[in-house]
C-alpha atoms as a PDB file:
ATOM      1  CA  VAL A   1     205.768-125.605 -24.957  1.00  0.00           C
ATOM      2  CA  ALA A   2     203.582-128.583 -24.026  1.00  0.00           C
ATOM      3  CA  HIS A   3     200.895-127.403 -26.443  1.00  0.00           C
ATOM      4  CA  ALA A   4     203.377-126.856 -29.288  1.00  0.00           C
ATOM      5  CA  ALA A   5     204.972-130.266 -28.724  1.00  0.00           C
ATOM      6  CA  SER A   6     201.575-131.980 -28.653  1.00  0.00           C
ATOM      7  CA  LEU A   7     200.567-130.262 -31.880  1.00  0.00           C
ATOM      8  CA  ALA A   8     203.788-131.334 -33.599  1.00  0.00           C
ATOM      9  CA  ALA A   9     203.468-134.942 -32.407  1.00  0.00           C
ATOM     10  CA  SER A  10     199.873-135.111 -33.650  1.00  0.00           C
ATOM     11  CA  GLU A  11     200.716-133.732 -37.106  1.00  0.00           C
ATOM     12  CA  ARG A  12     203.787-135.916 -37.676  1.00  0.00           C
ATOM     13  CA  PRO A  13     203.479-138.933 -35.370  1.00  0.00           C
ATOM     14  CA  GLY A  14     206.733-140.738 -34.685  1.00  0.00           C
ATOM     15  CA  MET A  15     209.100-138.022 -35.898  1.00  0.00           C
ATOM     16  CA  ASP A  16     212.544-137.774 -34.361  1.00  0.00           C
ATOM     17  CA  GLY A  17     212.847-135.501 -31.370  1.00  0.00           C
ATOM     18  CA  TYR A  18     209.205-135.903 -30.354  1.00  0.00           C
ATOM     19  CA  ASN A  19     209.062-139.643 -29.761  1.00  0.00           C
ATOM     20  CA  PRO A  20     208.353-140.454 -27.055  1.00  0.00           C
ATOM     21  CA  LEU A  21     206.627-137.279 -25.931  1.00  0.00           C
ATOM     22  CA  PHE A  22     206.645-137.149 -22.124  1.00  0.00           C
ATOM     23  CA  ILE A  23     204.278-134.607 -20.526  1.00  0.00           C
ATOM     24  CA  TRP A  24     204.457-134.025 -16.781  1.00  0.00           C
ATOM     25  CA  GLY A  25     202.850-131.669 -14.296  1.00  0.00           C
ATOM     26  CA  GLY A  26     200.579-131.408 -11.277  1.00  0.00           C
ATOM     27  CA  VAL A  27     196.939-132.393 -10.943  1.00  0.00           C
ATOM     28  CA  GLY A  28     194.355-130.516 -13.010  1.00  0.00           C
ATOM     29  CA  LEU A  29     196.769-128.687 -15.314  1.00  0.00           C
ATOM     30  CA  GLY A  30     195.748-130.289 -18.623  1.00  0.00           C
ATOM     31  CA  LYS A  31     197.886-133.385 -19.276  1.00  0.00           C
ATOM     32  CA  THR A  32     194.960-135.668 -20.061  1.00  0.00           C
ATOM     33  CA  HIS A  33     193.308-132.889 -22.063  1.00  0.00           C
ATOM     34  CA  LEU A  34     196.371-132.623 -24.322  1.00  0.00           C
ATOM     35  CA  MET A  35     196.594-136.399 -24.754  1.00  0.00           C
ATOM     36  CA  HIS A  36     192.987-136.647 -25.924  1.00  0.00           C
ATOM     37  CA  ALA A  37     193.582-133.697 -28.249  1.00  0.00           C
ATOM     38  CA  ILE A  38     196.577-135.488 -29.810  1.00  0.00           C
ATOM     39  CA  ALA A  39     194.555-138.665 -30.400  1.00  0.00           C
ATOM     40  CA  ASN A  40     191.610-136.734 -31.853  1.00  0.00           C
ATOM     41  CA  ARG A  41     193.824-134.769 -34.236  1.00  0.00           C
ATOM     42  CA  VAL A  42     195.666-137.873 -35.443  1.00  0.00           C
ATOM     43  CA  GLU A  43     192.385-139.639 -36.167  1.00  0.00           C
ATOM     44  CA  ALA A  44     191.028-136.572 -37.974  1.00  0.00           C
ATOM     45  CA  ASN A  45     194.119-136.043 -40.143  1.00  0.00           C
ATOM     46  CA  ILE A  46     195.244-139.638 -40.757  1.00  0.00           C
ATOM     47  CA  PRO A  47     192.316-141.863 -41.796  1.00  0.00           C
ATOM     48  CA  GLY A  48     192.704-145.414 -40.547  1.00  0.00           C
ATOM     49  CA  ALA A  49     195.352-144.567 -37.964  1.00  0.00           C
ATOM     50  CA  LYS A  50     195.211-146.873 -34.960  1.00  0.00           C
ATOM     51  CA  THR A  51     195.299-144.795 -31.777  1.00  0.00           C
ATOM     52  CA  LEU A  52     194.768-145.890 -28.193  1.00  0.00           C
ATOM     53  CA  TYR A  53     194.556-143.851 -25.011  1.00  0.00           C
ATOM     54  CA  VAL A  54     194.827-145.816 -21.744  1.00  0.00           C
ATOM     55  CA  THR A  55     195.679-145.134 -18.143  1.00  0.00           C
ATOM     56  CA  SER A  56     198.565-147.100 -16.660  1.00  0.00           C
ATOM     57  CA  GLU A  57     196.005-148.921 -14.529  1.00  0.00           C
ATOM     58  CA  SER A  58     194.113-150.004 -17.663  1.00  0.00           C
ATOM     59  CA  PHE A  59     197.336-151.303 -19.186  1.00  0.00           C
ATOM     60  CA  MET A  60     198.061-153.233 -15.994  1.00  0.00           C
ATOM     61  CA  ASN A  61     194.553-154.750 -16.026  1.00  0.00           C
ATOM     62  CA  ASP A  62     194.951-155.774 -19.669  1.00  0.00           C
ATOM     63  CA  PHE A  63     198.243-157.457 -18.854  1.00  0.00           C
ATOM     64  CA  ILE A  64     196.782-159.288 -15.831  1.00  0.00           C
ATOM     65  CA  SER A  65     193.836-160.514 -17.910  1.00  0.00           C
ATOM     66  CA  SER A  66     196.137-161.820 -20.650  1.00  0.00           C
ATOM     67  CA  VAL A  67     198.191-163.749 -18.090  1.00  0.00           C
ATOM     68  CA  LYS A  68     195.119-165.083 -16.311  1.00  0.00           C
ATOM     69  CA  ASP A  69     193.531-166.266 -19.580  1.00  0.00           C
ATOM     70  CA  ARG A  70     196.877-167.420 -21.001  1.00  0.00           C
ATOM     71  CA  GLN A  71     196.344-165.356 -24.131  1.00  0.00           C
ATOM     72  CA  PRO A  72     199.397-163.102 -24.545  1.00  0.00           C
ATOM     73  CA  GLU A  73     198.644-162.743 -28.233  1.00  0.00           C
ATOM     74  CA  ARG A  74     195.496-160.797 -27.321  1.00  0.00           C
ATOM     75  CA  LEU A  75     197.632-158.186 -25.556  1.00  0.00           C
ATOM     76  CA  HIS A  76     200.072-158.080 -28.452  1.00  0.00           C
ATOM     77  CA  GLU A  77     197.221-157.560 -30.902  1.00  0.00           C
ATOM     78  CA  ARG A  78     195.860-154.668 -28.865  1.00  0.00           C
ATOM     79  CA  TYR A  79     199.104-152.791 -28.234  1.00  0.00           C
ATOM     80  CA  ARG A  80     201.844-153.753 -30.686  1.00  0.00           C
ATOM     81  CA  LYS A  81     199.982-152.849 -33.880  1.00  0.00           C
ATOM     82  CA  LEU A  82     199.172-149.273 -32.912  1.00  0.00           C
ATOM     83  CA  ASP A  83     200.230-146.119 -34.705  1.00  0.00           C
ATOM     84  CA  VAL A  84     199.858-143.957 -31.603  1.00  0.00           C
ATOM     85  CA  LEU A  85     199.859-145.142 -27.976  1.00  0.00           C
ATOM     86  CA  LEU A  86     199.014-142.669 -25.214  1.00  0.00           C
ATOM     87  CA  VAL A  87     199.519-143.792 -21.605  1.00  0.00           C
ATOM     88  CA  ASP A  88     198.281-141.553 -18.786  1.00  0.00           C
ATOM     89  CA  ASP A  89     199.705-141.481 -15.225  1.00  0.00           C
ATOM     90  CA  ILE A  90     202.670-143.723 -15.946  1.00  0.00           C
ATOM     91  CA  GLN A  91     203.837-143.326 -12.317  1.00  0.00           C
ATOM     92  CA  PHE A  92     201.270-145.962 -11.290  1.00  0.00           C
ATOM     93  CA  ILE A  93     202.601-148.661 -13.598  1.00  0.00           C
ATOM     94  CA  GLY A  94     205.449-149.583 -11.275  1.00  0.00           C
ATOM     95  CA  ARG A  95     203.462-151.826  -8.955  1.00  0.00           C
ATOM     96  CA  GLY A  96     204.315-155.149 -10.601  1.00  0.00           C
ATOM     97  CA  SER A  97     207.492-156.316 -12.326  1.00  0.00           C
ATOM     98  CA  GLY A  98     205.515-158.246 -14.949  1.00  0.00           C
ATOM     99  CA  THR A  99     203.549-155.160 -15.976  1.00  0.00           C
ATOM    100  CA  LYS A 100     206.718-153.083 -16.282  1.00  0.00           C
ATOM    101  CA  GLU A 101     208.404-155.799 -18.336  1.00  0.00           C
ATOM    102  CA  GLU A 102     205.470-156.010 -20.741  1.00  0.00           C
ATOM    103  CA  PHE A 103     205.299-152.240 -21.107  1.00  0.00           C
ATOM    104  CA  PHE A 104     209.053-152.188 -21.763  1.00  0.00           C
ATOM    105  CA  ASN A 105     208.523-154.672 -24.611  1.00  0.00           C
ATOM    106  CA  VAL A 106     205.545-152.776 -26.040  1.00  0.00           C
ATOM    107  CA  PHE A 107     207.495-149.530 -25.875  1.00  0.00           C
ATOM    108  CA  ASN A 108     210.468-151.012 -27.740  1.00  0.00           C
ATOM    109  CA  VAL A 109     208.331-152.618 -30.441  1.00  0.00           C
ATOM    110  CA  LEU A 110     206.438-149.407 -31.193  1.00  0.00           C
ATOM    111  CA  ARG A 111     209.522-147.212 -30.978  1.00  0.00           C
ATOM    112  CA  ASP A 112     211.466-149.479 -33.349  1.00  0.00           C
ATOM    113  CA  LYS A 113     208.582-149.247 -35.837  1.00  0.00           C
ATOM    114  CA  GLY A 114     208.612-145.454 -35.625  1.00  0.00           C
ATOM    115  CA  LYS A 115     205.192-145.305 -33.980  1.00  0.00           C
ATOM    116  CA  GLN A 116     204.299-142.375 -31.721  1.00  0.00           C
ATOM    117  CA  ILE A 117     204.273-142.866 -27.954  1.00  0.00           C
ATOM    118  CA  VAL A 118     202.885-140.208 -25.601  1.00  0.00           C
ATOM    119  CA  ILE A 119     203.241-140.562 -21.838  1.00  0.00           C
ATOM    120  CA  SER A 120     202.054-138.419 -18.951  1.00  0.00           C
ATOM    121  CA  SER A 121     203.146-138.316 -15.322  1.00  0.00           C
ATOM    122  CA  ASP A 122     203.002-136.135 -12.229  1.00  0.00           C
ATOM    123  CA  LYS A 123     206.809-135.884 -12.186  1.00  0.00           C
ATOM    124  CA  PRO A 124     209.706-135.958 -14.685  1.00  0.00           C
ATOM    125  CA  PRO A 125     211.272-139.283 -15.750  1.00  0.00           C
ATOM    126  CA  LYS A 126     214.302-138.994 -13.463  1.00  0.00           C
ATOM    127  CA  GLU A 127     212.047-138.711 -10.392  1.00  0.00           C
ATOM    128  CA  LEU A 128     210.009-141.869 -11.095  1.00  0.00           C
ATOM    129  CA  ASP A 129     211.548-143.889  -8.278  1.00  0.00           C
ATOM    130  CA  ASN A 130     209.417-147.009  -8.671  1.00  0.00           C
ATOM    131  CA  ILE A 131     210.152-147.496 -12.379  1.00  0.00           C
ATOM    132  CA  ASP A 132     213.281-149.197 -13.734  1.00  0.00           C
ATOM    133  CA  GLU A 133     216.044-146.963 -15.042  1.00  0.00           C
ATOM    134  CA  ARG A 134     215.962-148.711 -18.424  1.00  0.00           C
ATOM    135  CA  LEU A 135     212.408-147.406 -18.824  1.00  0.00           C
ATOM    136  CA  THR A 136     212.942-143.909 -17.440  1.00  0.00           C
ATOM    137  CA  SER A 137     215.987-143.444 -19.676  1.00  0.00           C
ATOM    138  CA  ARG A 138     213.817-144.291 -22.680  1.00  0.00           C
ATOM    139  CA  PHE A 139     211.137-141.860 -21.502  1.00  0.00           C
ATOM    140  CA  GLY A 140     213.755-139.127 -21.536  1.00  0.00           C
ATOM    141  CA  SER A 141     215.132-140.051 -24.946  1.00  0.00           C
ATOM    142  CA  GLY A 142     212.490-138.048 -26.807  1.00  0.00           C
ATOM    143  CA  LEU A 143     210.994-134.760 -25.662  1.00  0.00           C
ATOM    144  CA  VAL A 144     210.154-134.073 -22.012  1.00  0.00           C
ATOM    145  CA  VAL A 145     207.859-131.072 -21.373  1.00  0.00           C
ATOM    146  CA  ASP A 146     206.206-129.818 -18.218  1.00  0.00           C
ATOM    147  CA  ILE A 147     203.001-127.901 -17.554  1.00  0.00           C
ATOM    148  CA  GLN A 148     203.357-125.245 -14.867  1.00  0.00           C
ATOM    149  CA  PRO A 149     200.451-123.949 -12.775  1.00  0.00           C
ATOM    150  CA  PRO A 150     198.775-120.934 -14.459  1.00  0.00           C
ATOM    151  CA  ASP A 151     199.853-117.477 -13.309  1.00  0.00           C
ATOM    152  CA  PHE A 152     197.391-114.851 -12.069  1.00  0.00           C
ATOM    153  CA  GLU A 153     196.691-113.380 -15.518  1.00  0.00           C
ATOM    154  CA  THR A 154     196.069-116.825 -16.994  1.00  0.00           C
ATOM    155  CA  ARG A 155     193.795-117.823 -14.112  1.00  0.00           C
ATOM    156  CA  THR A 156     191.821-114.628 -14.640  1.00  0.00           C
ATOM    157  CA  ALA A 157     191.486-115.312 -18.374  1.00  0.00           C
ATOM    158  CA  ILE A 158     190.384-118.908 -17.696  1.00  0.00           C
ATOM    159  CA  LEU A 159     187.679-117.756 -15.274  1.00  0.00           C
ATOM    160  CA  GLN A 160     186.447-115.116 -17.718  1.00  0.00           C
ATOM    161  CA  LYS A 161     186.271-117.684 -20.509  1.00  0.00           C
ATOM    162  CA  LYS A 162     184.506-120.270 -18.343  1.00  0.00           C
ATOM    163  CA  SER A 163     181.989-117.612 -17.228  1.00  0.00           C
ATOM    164  CA  GLU A 164     181.216-116.733 -20.851  1.00  0.00           C
ATOM    165  CA  MET A 165     180.866-120.385 -21.881  1.00  0.00           C
ATOM    166  CA  LYS A 166     178.479-121.156 -19.017  1.00  0.00           C
ATOM    167  CA  GLY A 167     176.522-117.916 -19.297  1.00  0.00           C
ATOM    168  CA  TYR A 168     177.482-116.738 -15.806  1.00  0.00           C
ATOM    169  CA  ASP A 169     177.373-113.024 -14.993  1.00  0.00           C
ATOM    170  CA  VAL A 170     180.326-112.731 -12.610  1.00  0.00           C
ATOM    171  CA  PRO A 171     181.629-109.261 -11.653  1.00  0.00           C
ATOM    172  CA  GLU A 172     185.238-108.495 -12.595  1.00  0.00           C
ATOM    173  CA  ASP A 173     186.353-107.938  -9.000  1.00  0.00           C
ATOM    174  CA  VAL A 174     184.979-111.364  -8.030  1.00  0.00           C
ATOM    175  CA  ILE A 175     186.810-112.977 -10.961  1.00  0.00           C
ATOM    176  CA  LYS A 176     190.079-111.426  -9.805  1.00  0.00           C
ATOM    177  CA  PHE A 177     189.375-112.370  -6.182  1.00  0.00           C
ATOM    178  CA  ILE A 178     188.973-116.045  -7.126  1.00  0.00           C
ATOM    179  CA  ALA A 179     192.040-115.935  -9.395  1.00  0.00           C
ATOM    180  CA  GLU A 180     194.099-114.577  -6.521  1.00  0.00           C
ATOM    181  CA  LYS A 181     192.778-116.844  -3.770  1.00  0.00           C
ATOM    182  CA  ILE A 182     192.506-120.157  -5.665  1.00  0.00           C
ATOM    183  CA  PRO A 183     195.920-120.490  -7.335  1.00  0.00           C
ATOM    184  CA  SER A 184     196.301-124.253  -7.619  1.00  0.00           C
ATOM    185  CA  ASN A 185     194.754-125.709 -10.781  1.00  0.00           C
ATOM    186  CA  ILE A 186     192.073-125.291 -13.411  1.00  0.00           C
ATOM    187  CA  ARG A 187     189.687-127.873 -11.950  1.00  0.00           C
ATOM    188  CA  GLU A 188     189.552-126.027  -8.637  1.00  0.00           C
ATOM    189  CA  LEU A 189     189.041-122.726 -10.436  1.00  0.00           C
ATOM    190  CA  GLU A 190     186.092-124.086 -12.392  1.00  0.00           C
ATOM    191  CA  GLY A 191     184.652-125.825  -9.332  1.00  0.00           C
ATOM    192  CA  THR A 192     184.837-122.583  -7.356  1.00  0.00           C
ATOM    193  CA  LEU A 193     183.125-120.686 -10.172  1.00  0.00           C
ATOM    194  CA  ASN A 194     180.281-123.211 -10.286  1.00  0.00           C
ATOM    195  CA  ARG A 195     179.937-123.149  -6.499  1.00  0.00           C
ATOM    196  CA  ILE A 196     179.630-119.393  -6.067  1.00  0.00           C
ATOM    197  CA  THR A 197     177.100-119.225  -8.910  1.00  0.00           C
ATOM    198  CA  THR A 198     174.995-121.897  -7.204  1.00  0.00           C
ATOM    199  CA  TYR A 199     175.248-120.067  -3.870  1.00  0.00           C
ATOM    200  CA  SER A 200     174.193-116.795  -5.492  1.00  0.00           C
ATOM    201  CA  ILE A 201     171.150-118.392  -7.128  1.00  0.00           C
ATOM    202  CA  THR A 202     170.008-120.426  -4.104  1.00  0.00           C
ATOM    203  CA  THR A 203     170.476-117.603  -1.577  1.00  0.00           C
ATOM    204  CA  ASN A 204     169.372-114.823  -3.916  1.00  0.00           C
ATOM    205  CA  GLU A 205     172.463-112.886  -2.840  1.00  0.00           C
ATOM    206  CA  PRO A 206     174.742-110.928  -5.206  1.00  0.00           C
ATOM    207  CA  MET A 207     178.206-112.127  -6.105  1.00  0.00           C
ATOM    208  CA  THR A 208     180.383-109.701  -4.154  1.00  0.00           C
ATOM    209  CA  VAL A 209     183.864-109.970  -2.693  1.00  0.00           C
ATOM    210  CA  GLU A 210     182.310-109.746   0.783  1.00  0.00           C
ATOM    211  CA  ASN A 211     180.106-112.750   0.077  1.00  0.00           C
ATOM    212  CA  MET A 212     183.102-114.639  -1.342  1.00  0.00           C
ATOM    213  CA  TYR A 213     184.736-114.667   2.081  1.00  0.00           C
ATOM    214  CA  GLU A 214     181.653-116.382   3.503  1.00  0.00           C
ATOM    215  CA  TRP A 215     180.908-118.747   0.631  1.00  0.00           C
ATOM    216  CA  LEU A 216     184.524-119.828   0.182  1.00  0.00           C
ATOM    217  CA  LYS A 217     185.615-119.781   3.810  1.00  0.00           C
ATOM    218  CA  HIS A 218     186.728-123.424   3.754  1.00  0.00           C
ATOM    219  CA  ASP A 219     188.733-122.937   0.552  1.00  0.00           C
ATOM    220  CA  LEU A 220     190.386-119.810   1.913  1.00  0.00           C
ATOM    221  CA  LYS A 221     191.208-121.290   5.331  1.00  0.00           C
ATOM    222  CA  ARG A 222     194.927-121.172   6.036  1.00  0.00           C
ATOM    223  CA  GLY A 223     195.914-122.925   9.259  1.00  0.00           C
ATOM    224  CA  ASP A 224     196.463-120.473  12.096  1.00  0.00           C
ATOM    225  CA  GLY A 225     196.201-117.417   9.874  1.00  0.00           C
ATOM    226  CA  VAL A 226     199.685-117.686   8.361  1.00  0.00           C
ATOM    227  CA  SER A 227     199.881-116.824   4.677  1.00  0.00           C
ATOM    228  CA  VAL A 228     202.334-118.244   2.159  1.00  0.00           C
ATOM    229  CA  ASP A 229     203.264-114.669   1.225  1.00  0.00           C
ATOM    230  CA  TYR A 230     204.491-113.991   4.772  1.00  0.00           C
ATOM    231  CA  ILE A 231     206.390-117.285   4.867  1.00  0.00           C
ATOM    232  CA  GLN A 232     208.106-116.352   1.601  1.00  0.00           C
ATOM    233  CA  GLN A 233     208.953-112.917   2.966  1.00  0.00           C
ATOM    234  CA  LEU A 234     210.620-114.346   6.100  1.00  0.00           C
ATOM    235  CA  ALA A 235     212.479-117.044   4.155  1.00  0.00           C
ATOM    236  CA  ALA A 236     213.745-114.488   1.641  1.00  0.00           C
ATOM    237  CA  GLU A 237     214.975-112.211   4.443  1.00  0.00           C
ATOM    238  CA  SER A 238     216.683-115.112   6.227  1.00  0.00           C
ATOM    239  CA  PHE A 239     218.624-116.196   3.143  1.00  0.00           C
ATOM    240  CA  GLY A 240     219.266-112.782   1.610  1.00  0.00           C
ATOM    241  CA  VAL A 241     217.236-113.360  -1.558  1.00  0.00           C
ATOM    242  CA  THR A 242     214.097-111.725  -2.938  1.00  0.00           C
ATOM    243  CA  ILE A 243     210.533-113.002  -2.772  1.00  0.00           C
ATOM    244  CA  GLU A 244     210.512-112.979  -6.574  1.00  0.00           C
ATOM    245  CA  ASP A 245     213.502-115.361  -6.549  1.00  0.00           C
ATOM    246  CA  LEU A 246     211.455-117.972  -4.693  1.00  0.00           C
ATOM    247  CA  ALA A 247     208.900-118.243  -7.496  1.00  0.00           C
ATOM    248  CA  SER A 248     211.462-117.891 -10.287  1.00  0.00           C
ATOM    249  CA  GLN A 249     213.335-120.559 -12.235  1.00  0.00           C
ATOM    250  CA  LYS A 250     216.621-119.678 -10.491  1.00  0.00           C
ATOM    251  CA  ARG A 251     218.374-122.761  -9.135  1.00  0.00           C
ATOM    252  CA  THR A 252     221.428-121.294  -7.445  1.00  0.00           C
ATOM    253  CA  ALA A 253     222.210-122.965  -4.135  1.00  0.00           C
ATOM    254  CA  GLY A 254     221.032-120.060  -1.959  1.00  0.00           C
ATOM    255  CA  VAL A 255     217.775-119.516  -3.797  1.00  0.00           C
ATOM    256  CA  ALA A 256     217.004-123.247  -4.001  1.00  0.00           C
ATOM    257  CA  LEU A 257     217.576-123.727  -0.267  1.00  0.00           C
ATOM    258  CA  ALA A 258     215.476-120.673   0.647  1.00  0.00           C
ATOM    259  CA  ARG A 259     212.677-121.956  -1.599  1.00  0.00           C
ATOM    260  CA  GLN A 260     212.788-125.438  -0.066  1.00  0.00           C
ATOM    261  CA  VAL A 261     212.760-124.055   3.475  1.00  0.00           C
ATOM    262  CA  ALA A 262     209.761-121.861   2.628  1.00  0.00           C
ATOM    263  CA  MET A 263     207.933-124.853   1.137  1.00  0.00           C
ATOM    264  CA  TYR A 264     208.704-126.974   4.201  1.00  0.00           C
ATOM    265  CA  ILE A 265     207.388-124.301   6.575  1.00  0.00           C
ATOM    266  CA  ALA A 266     204.280-123.781   4.428  1.00  0.00           C
ATOM    267  CA  CYS A 267     203.563-127.519   4.709  1.00  0.00           C
ATOM    268  CA  GLU A 268     203.994-127.334   8.480  1.00  0.00           C
ATOM    269  CA  LYS A 269     201.999-124.162   9.131  1.00  0.00           C
ATOM    270  CA  MET A 270     199.231-124.152   6.516  1.00  0.00           C
ATOM    271  CA  GLU A 271     196.251-126.359   5.757  1.00  0.00           C
ATOM    272  CA  GLY A 272     196.327-125.701   2.024  1.00  0.00           C
ATOM    273  CA  SER A 273     196.886-128.606  -0.356  1.00  0.00           C
ATOM    274  CA  LEU A 274     200.325-129.349  -1.769  1.00  0.00           C
ATOM    275  CA  GLN A 275     199.105-128.053  -5.137  1.00  0.00           C
ATOM    276  CA  VAL A 276     198.104-124.734  -3.576  1.00  0.00           C
ATOM    277  CA  ILE A 277     201.472-124.381  -1.845  1.00  0.00           C
ATOM    278  CA  GLY A 278     203.361-125.372  -4.975  1.00  0.00           C
ATOM    279  CA  SER A 279     201.520-122.883  -7.156  1.00  0.00           C
ATOM    280  CA  ALA A 280     202.721-120.038  -4.914  1.00  0.00           C
ATOM    281  CA  PHE A 281     206.265-120.992  -5.952  1.00  0.00           C
ATOM    282  CA  GLN A 282     205.330-121.836  -9.578  1.00  0.00           C
ATOM    283  CA  ARG A 283     206.099-125.493  -8.832  1.00  0.00           C
ATOM    284  CA  ASP A 284     204.073-128.728  -8.756  1.00  0.00           C
ATOM    285  CA  HIS A 285     203.122-130.753  -5.705  1.00  0.00           C
ATOM    286  CA  ALA A 286     205.894-133.316  -6.313  1.00  0.00           C
ATOM    287  CA  THR A 287     208.481-130.558  -5.886  1.00  0.00           C
ATOM    288  CA  VAL A 288     206.832-129.527  -2.606  1.00  0.00           C
ATOM    289  CA  ILE A 289     207.024-133.110  -1.321  1.00  0.00           C
ATOM    290  CA  HIS A 290     210.696-133.315  -2.299  1.00  0.00           C
ATOM    291  CA  ALA A 291     211.448-130.015  -0.531  1.00  0.00           C
ATOM    292  CA  ARG A 292     209.589-131.047   2.613  1.00  0.00           C
ATOM    293  CA  ASN A 293     211.426-134.366   2.840  1.00  0.00           C
ATOM    294  CA  LYS A 294     214.815-132.787   2.152  1.00  0.00           C
ATOM    295  CA  ILE A 295     214.457-130.057   4.788  1.00  0.00           C
ATOM    296  CA  GLU A 296     213.146-132.570   7.342  1.00  0.00           C
ATOM    297  CA  LYS A 297     216.390-134.504   6.923  1.00  0.00           C
ATOM    298  CA  MET A 298     218.562-131.377   6.961  1.00  0.00           C
ATOM    299  CA  ILE A 299     216.984-130.196  10.212  1.00  0.00           C
ATOM    300  CA  LYS A 300     218.145-133.431  11.839  1.00  0.00           C
ATOM    301  CA  ASP A 301     221.640-133.325  10.322  1.00  0.00           C
ATOM    302  CA  ASP A 302     222.506-129.614  10.097  1.00  0.00           C
ATOM    303  CA  PRO A 303     222.125-127.378  13.207  1.00  0.00           C
ATOM    304  CA  ARG A 304     222.414-124.229  11.084  1.00  0.00           C
ATOM    305  CA  ILE A 305     219.352-125.114   9.012  1.00  0.00           C
ATOM    306  CA  LYS A 306     217.441-126.072  12.157  1.00  0.00           C
ATOM    307  CA  LYS A 307     218.231-122.675  13.653  1.00  0.00           C
ATOM    308  CA  VAL A 308     217.031-120.797  10.557  1.00  0.00           C
ATOM    309  CA  VAL A 309     213.781-122.823  10.411  1.00  0.00           C
ATOM    310  CA  ASP A 310     213.185-122.356  14.143  1.00  0.00           C
ATOM    311  CA  ASN A 311     213.708-118.586  13.854  1.00  0.00           C
ATOM    312  CA  ILE A 312     211.169-118.325  11.044  1.00  0.00           C
ATOM    313  CA  MET A 313     208.720-120.485  12.970  1.00  0.00           C
ATOM    314  CA  ASP A 314     209.108-118.236  16.023  1.00  0.00           C
ATOM    315  CA  LYS A 315     208.360-115.129  13.954  1.00  0.00           C
ATOM    316  CA  LEU A 316     205.264-116.799  12.533  1.00  0.00           C
END
């Protein structure tokens, strides 16, 4: 969906329903990649189009410089005459009220002119706590799309493609081992592929599953030996749902609570990153943080939830 929306926005910038285009998802899933692709396609198909890709930090620095030099017209010239504006990591723009106010004005000017705006974030508009509602409501007025972590088959295909592109000769069982054990994001997949190839060359050892356990021991480390699969199994049993439900898009109260409890326990018992934990539930790291904070509060306020969590912890 994110790819299709990006393609449409690049072919007909500013069209209704796709403006603004808000892309959100976890780290290393391709948000910035899509934004650059949109800008490149616009410039290729529309000669003379004025496009600009910036991070929210760059926008903030431009605003600070214009205030410091007392040259607001310089900022207006740079941003308000664009055909396509792409702003990456909008969640970091909320540090200063002046920056948010200026971005609000730039957004309105470009939107009123029918110019395309593309924004990325690590969470959806409604969860951007440090940004004014008048801005987040505008972010949600166009098309909001998310990028989910790749599933096992997609991770396998990515590793196979990367191996071909780089000329690596990686056995199929090793490819599948990495795809299974490194489920978080594409950057980590590629980094792992590069690392094992380097190890194989420098040690003159073959790339085998046995060697993977040694070479990737720090990546595969999981706290005191607890796996997310086992946590999901216990949470599913405790709430009377299936393990598949926990990684599904179901949002019924029972499934949602079981999922959040499992995420909370995974955060407590495992050393994996939030992205790794989230990918096991087909969610991003922001969702894991939300679940952890919610269950922490519920444990204090609801004895029943505390008892369920304690029982699962005891079994672990």
